[in-house]
Amino acid sequence: MHGAARGRRGAIGDGRLRTDFLDATELAAIGFAAIGEDVRISRHALFFAPERIRIGARTRIDAFCILSAGAGGIIIGRNVHLSAHATILGGGAVTIGDFCTLSVRCAVFASNDDYSGATMTNPTVPARFRGAVDAPVTIGAHAILGASCVVLPGVTIGESAAVGALSLVREDLPPFAVAVGAPARVVGRRREEHRALAARYLAETEGGEI
């Protein structure tokens, strides 16, 4: 687990603010399974079981995000942005594709308690009394989730899908879908120009392909 106790502090006498992002030495000390180049992580983000978390190049994780990796681990691609207060929790595997955006207060769950009443709930009681279920979550490349979206276990959000703010995603969404609501429903199709822009960006910055 990594928690940041230090916030922004002005340099003595000059009024300037120090960056909120961890430096390379601090990032290495967290103990991620893998971390790419130019990753920026706030000092105020929390990581549980970082040895099961992999983060791609140029990804940014803002203040007050919480990532808790279960047995399935968490894989985050390159150029992903997790906005402030985004949360990823649960025992199932979570995969977030390249160039994804999770807006403020998005929550991704890879585990769910049994709400029927047949078993007990919450982690204060032993697992044998609970009916919690783990299931993987996959968010495809270029997907964007609006503020305060909730993604439930077992869901696959297709590449380049867009989900409106305050939506509840409990079923799979196809690629390029525009979805809104609780539960989320498909209301349109997203444009595709961003894919060509991504290829251009990679070619200009790293000579790569998408």
Protein backbone atom coordinates (compact mmCIF):
# COMPACT_ATOMS: atom_id res chain seq x y z
CA MET A 1 0.00 0.00 0.00
CA HIS A 2 1.15 3.50 -0.75
CA GLY A 3 -0.39 6.57 0.79
CA ALA A 4 0.94 10.07 0.43
CA ALA A 5 1.26 12.14 3.53
CA ARG A 6 2.80 15.10 1.77
CA GLY A 7 0.82 17.65 -0.21
CA ARG A 8 1.86 20.71 -2.14
CA ARG A 9 4.24 22.99 -0.31
CA GLY A 10 5.57 26.34 -1.42
CA ALA A 11 9.32 26.69 -1.61
CA ILE A 12 10.44 28.91 1.27
CA GLY A 13 10.21 32.57 0.43
CA ASP A 14 9.43 32.31 -3.31
CA GLY A 15 5.73 31.42 -3.26
CA ARG A 16 6.08 28.64 -5.84
CA LEU A 17 4.25 25.30 -5.56
CA ARG A 18 5.99 21.97 -5.71
CA THR A 19 4.40 19.42 -8.03
CA ASP A 20 1.80 17.06 -6.58
CA PHE A 21 3.19 14.18 -8.65
CA LEU A 22 5.66 11.62 -7.31
CA ASP A 23 9.19 11.61 -8.67
CA ALA A 24 10.86 8.59 -10.29
CA THR A 25 12.41 7.35 -7.05
CA GLU A 26 9.11 7.56 -5.21
CA LEU A 27 7.30 5.75 -8.03
CA ALA A 28 9.83 2.92 -7.96
CA ALA A 29 9.43 2.58 -4.20
CA ILE A 30 5.72 1.81 -4.50
CA GLY A 31 6.52 -1.59 -5.99
CA PHE A 32 4.27 -1.79 -9.06
CA ALA A 33 4.45 -4.97 -11.15
CA ALA A 34 5.39 -2.74 -14.09
CA ILE A 35 5.40 0.96 -14.83
CA GLY A 36 6.07 2.75 -18.11
CA GLU A 37 7.88 5.96 -18.93
CA ASP A 38 6.60 9.40 -17.96
CA VAL A 39 3.87 8.10 -15.65
CA ARG A 40 2.47 10.79 -13.36
CA ILE A 41 0.86 9.78 -10.08
CA SER A 42 -0.42 12.11 -7.38
CA ARG A 43 1.07 11.94 -3.91
CA HIS A 44 -2.51 11.65 -2.69
CA ALA A 45 -3.43 8.47 -4.58
CA LEU A 46 -3.66 5.14 -2.74
CA PHE A 47 -2.58 1.71 -4.00
CA PHE A 48 -3.33 -1.62 -2.36
CA ALA A 49 -1.37 -4.68 -3.59
CA PRO A 50 0.67 -2.57 -6.06
CA GLU A 51 2.64 -5.69 -6.96
CA ARG A 52 -0.47 -6.72 -8.93
CA ILE A 53 -0.82 -3.40 -10.78
CA ARG A 54 0.74 -2.65 -14.19
CA ILE A 55 0.71 0.90 -15.58
CA GLY A 56 1.57 1.91 -19.13
CA ALA A 57 3.61 4.86 -20.36
CA ARG A 58 2.37 8.45 -20.01
CA THR A 59 -0.58 7.48 -17.84
CA ARG A 60 -1.73 9.99 -15.24
CA ILE A 61 -3.45 9.16 -11.93
CA ASP A 62 -4.81 12.15 -10.06
CA ALA A 63 -5.34 12.95 -6.40
CA PHE A 64 -7.52 10.76 -4.20
CA CYS A 65 -7.75 7.85 -6.64
CA ILE A 66 -7.87 4.42 -4.97
CA LEU A 67 -6.68 1.28 -6.76
CA SER A 68 -7.07 -1.99 -4.87
CA ALA A 69 -5.91 -4.99 -6.88
CA GLY A 70 -7.35 -8.42 -6.18
CA ALA A 71 -5.97 -11.74 -7.34
CA GLY A 72 -6.78 -10.88 -10.94
CA GLY A 73 -4.69 -7.72 -10.89
CA ILE A 74 -5.12 -4.38 -12.61
CA ILE A 75 -3.64 -3.56 -16.01
CA ILE A 76 -3.73 0.06 -17.18
CA GLY A 77 -2.60 0.92 -20.69
CA ARG A 78 -0.65 3.87 -21.99
CA ASN A 79 -1.93 7.48 -21.99
CA VAL A 80 -4.76 6.63 -19.60
CA HIS A 81 -6.17 9.35 -17.35
CA LEU A 82 -7.76 8.47 -14.02
CA SER A 83 -9.33 11.69 -12.78
CA ALA A 84 -9.61 12.70 -9.14
CA HIS A 85 -11.43 10.27 -6.84
CA ALA A 86 -11.61 7.49 -9.46
CA THR A 87 -11.77 4.06 -7.80
CA ILE A 88 -10.93 0.54 -8.97
CA LEU A 89 -11.77 -2.23 -6.50
CA GLY A 90 -12.35 -5.97 -6.38
CA GLY A 91 -10.90 -9.42 -6.76
CA GLY A 92 -11.47 -9.88 -10.49
CA ALA A 93 -9.06 -8.74 -13.18
CA VAL A 94 -9.45 -5.15 -14.41
CA THR A 95 -8.03 -4.12 -17.77
CA ILE A 96 -8.14 -0.53 -19.00
CA GLY A 97 -7.03 0.02 -22.58
CA ASP A 98 -4.75 2.67 -24.07
CA PHE A 99 -5.98 6.29 -24.20
CA CYS A 100 -8.93 5.69 -21.87
CA THR A 101 -10.39 8.40 -19.64
CA LEU A 102 -12.14 7.79 -16.33
CA SER A 103 -13.62 11.10 -15.23
CA VAL A 104 -14.00 12.39 -11.68
CA ARG A 105 -15.47 9.91 -9.18
CA CYS A 106 -15.83 6.99 -11.58
CA ALA A 107 -15.97 3.63 -9.80
CA VAL A 108 -15.03 0.27 -11.34
CA PHE A 109 -15.96 -2.82 -9.36
CA ALA A 110 -14.56 -6.31 -10.04
CA SER A 111 -16.37 -7.83 -7.03
CA ASN A 112 -19.92 -7.63 -5.76
CA ASP A 113 -21.66 -8.74 -2.58
CA ASP A 114 -24.81 -10.91 -2.63
CA TYR A 115 -27.73 -8.53 -2.12
CA SER A 116 -30.39 -11.26 -1.85
CA GLY A 117 -30.04 -11.75 1.89
CA ALA A 118 -29.04 -15.40 1.51
CA THR A 119 -25.55 -14.56 2.76
CA MET A 120 -23.87 -11.85 4.80
CA THR A 121 -22.13 -8.88 3.23
CA ASN A 122 -18.96 -6.79 3.62
CA PRO A 123 -15.38 -7.79 4.43
CA THR A 124 -15.69 -7.55 8.21
CA VAL A 125 -17.00 -11.16 8.25
CA PRO A 126 -15.16 -14.29 7.03
CA ALA A 127 -15.58 -15.24 3.36
CA ARG A 128 -17.46 -18.45 4.27
CA PHE A 129 -20.39 -16.34 5.48
CA ARG A 130 -20.49 -14.21 2.34
CA GLY A 131 -21.65 -14.74 -1.22
CA ALA A 132 -19.38 -12.22 -2.90
CA VAL A 133 -18.65 -12.83 -6.57
CA ASP A 134 -15.53 -11.75 -8.46
CA ALA A 135 -15.72 -11.07 -12.20
CA PRO A 136 -13.36 -9.35 -14.64
CA VAL A 137 -13.92 -5.89 -16.09
CA THR A 138 -12.50 -4.77 -19.43
CA ILE A 139 -12.59 -1.20 -20.69
CA GLY A 140 -11.42 -0.99 -24.28
CA ALA A 141 -8.93 1.46 -25.76
CA HIS A 142 -10.12 5.06 -26.20
CA ALA A 143 -13.24 4.57 -24.08
CA ILE A 144 -14.34 7.56 -22.01
CA LEU A 145 -16.47 7.41 -18.88
CA GLY A 146 -18.17 10.58 -17.67
CA ALA A 147 -18.16 11.81 -14.09
CA SER A 148 -19.47 9.44 -11.41
CA CYS A 149 -20.06 6.46 -13.70
CA VAL A 150 -20.26 3.06 -12.01
CA VAL A 151 -19.09 -0.10 -13.79
CA LEU A 152 -20.17 -3.43 -12.29
CA PRO A 153 -18.30 -6.77 -12.28
CA GLY A 154 -18.26 -8.83 -15.47
CA VAL A 155 -18.75 -5.88 -17.82
CA THR A 156 -16.86 -5.28 -21.05
CA ILE A 157 -16.96 -1.75 -22.46
CA GLY A 158 -15.95 -1.81 -26.10
CA GLU A 159 -13.17 0.21 -27.66
CA SER A 160 -13.97 3.89 -28.23
CA ALA A 161 -17.26 3.72 -26.35
CA ALA A 162 -18.45 6.84 -24.50
CA VAL A 163 -20.52 6.65 -21.32
CA GLY A 164 -22.37 9.69 -20.01
CA ALA A 165 -22.01 11.08 -16.50
CA LEU A 166 -23.88 9.34 -13.64
CA SER A 167 -24.42 6.19 -15.69
CA LEU A 168 -24.58 2.65 -14.28
CA VAL A 169 -22.94 0.12 -16.60
CA ARG A 170 -24.14 -3.37 -15.71
CA GLU A 171 -24.08 -4.96 -19.18
CA ASP A 172 -21.56 -5.03 -22.01
CA LEU A 173 -21.37 -2.07 -24.37
CA PRO A 174 -20.26 -2.45 -28.00
CA PRO A 175 -17.37 -0.56 -29.57
CA PHE A 176 -18.07 3.10 -30.42
CA ALA A 177 -21.34 3.06 -28.47
CA VAL A 178 -22.61 6.23 -26.82
CA ALA A 179 -24.48 5.15 -23.71
CA VAL A 180 -26.26 7.00 -20.91
CA GLY A 181 -28.50 6.26 -17.96
CA ALA A 182 -28.97 3.93 -15.03
CA PRO A 183 -28.83 1.31 -16.32
CA ALA A 184 -26.82 2.57 -19.27
CA ARG A 185 -28.44 2.19 -22.65
CA VAL A 186 -26.98 2.82 -26.10
CA VAL A 187 -28.30 6.05 -27.63
CA GLY A 188 -25.85 6.63 -30.45
CA ARG A 189 -22.50 5.93 -32.05
CA ARG A 190 -19.28 7.80 -31.43
CA ARG A 191 -17.26 9.33 -34.26
CA GLU A 192 -14.01 7.68 -35.31
CA GLU A 193 -11.59 10.52 -36.06
CA HIS A 194 -9.83 10.09 -32.71
CA ARG A 195 -8.39 6.77 -33.88
CA ALA A 196 -6.48 8.42 -36.73
CA LEU A 197 -5.31 11.16 -34.38
CA ALA A 198 -3.99 8.53 -31.98
CA ALA A 199 -2.04 6.87 -34.79
CA ARG A 200 -0.61 10.24 -35.76
CA TYR A 201 0.31 11.02 -32.15
CA LEU A 202 2.14 7.72 -31.77
CA ALA A 203 3.93 8.14 -35.08
CA GLU A 204 5.09 11.64 -34.15
CA THR A 205 6.14 10.87 -30.59
CA GLU A 206 7.45 7.33 -30.72
CA GLY A 207 7.25 6.04 -34.26
CA GLY A 208 4.70 3.49 -33.11
CA GLU A 209 1.39 2.19 -34.36
CA ILE A 210 -2.00 1.59 -32.75
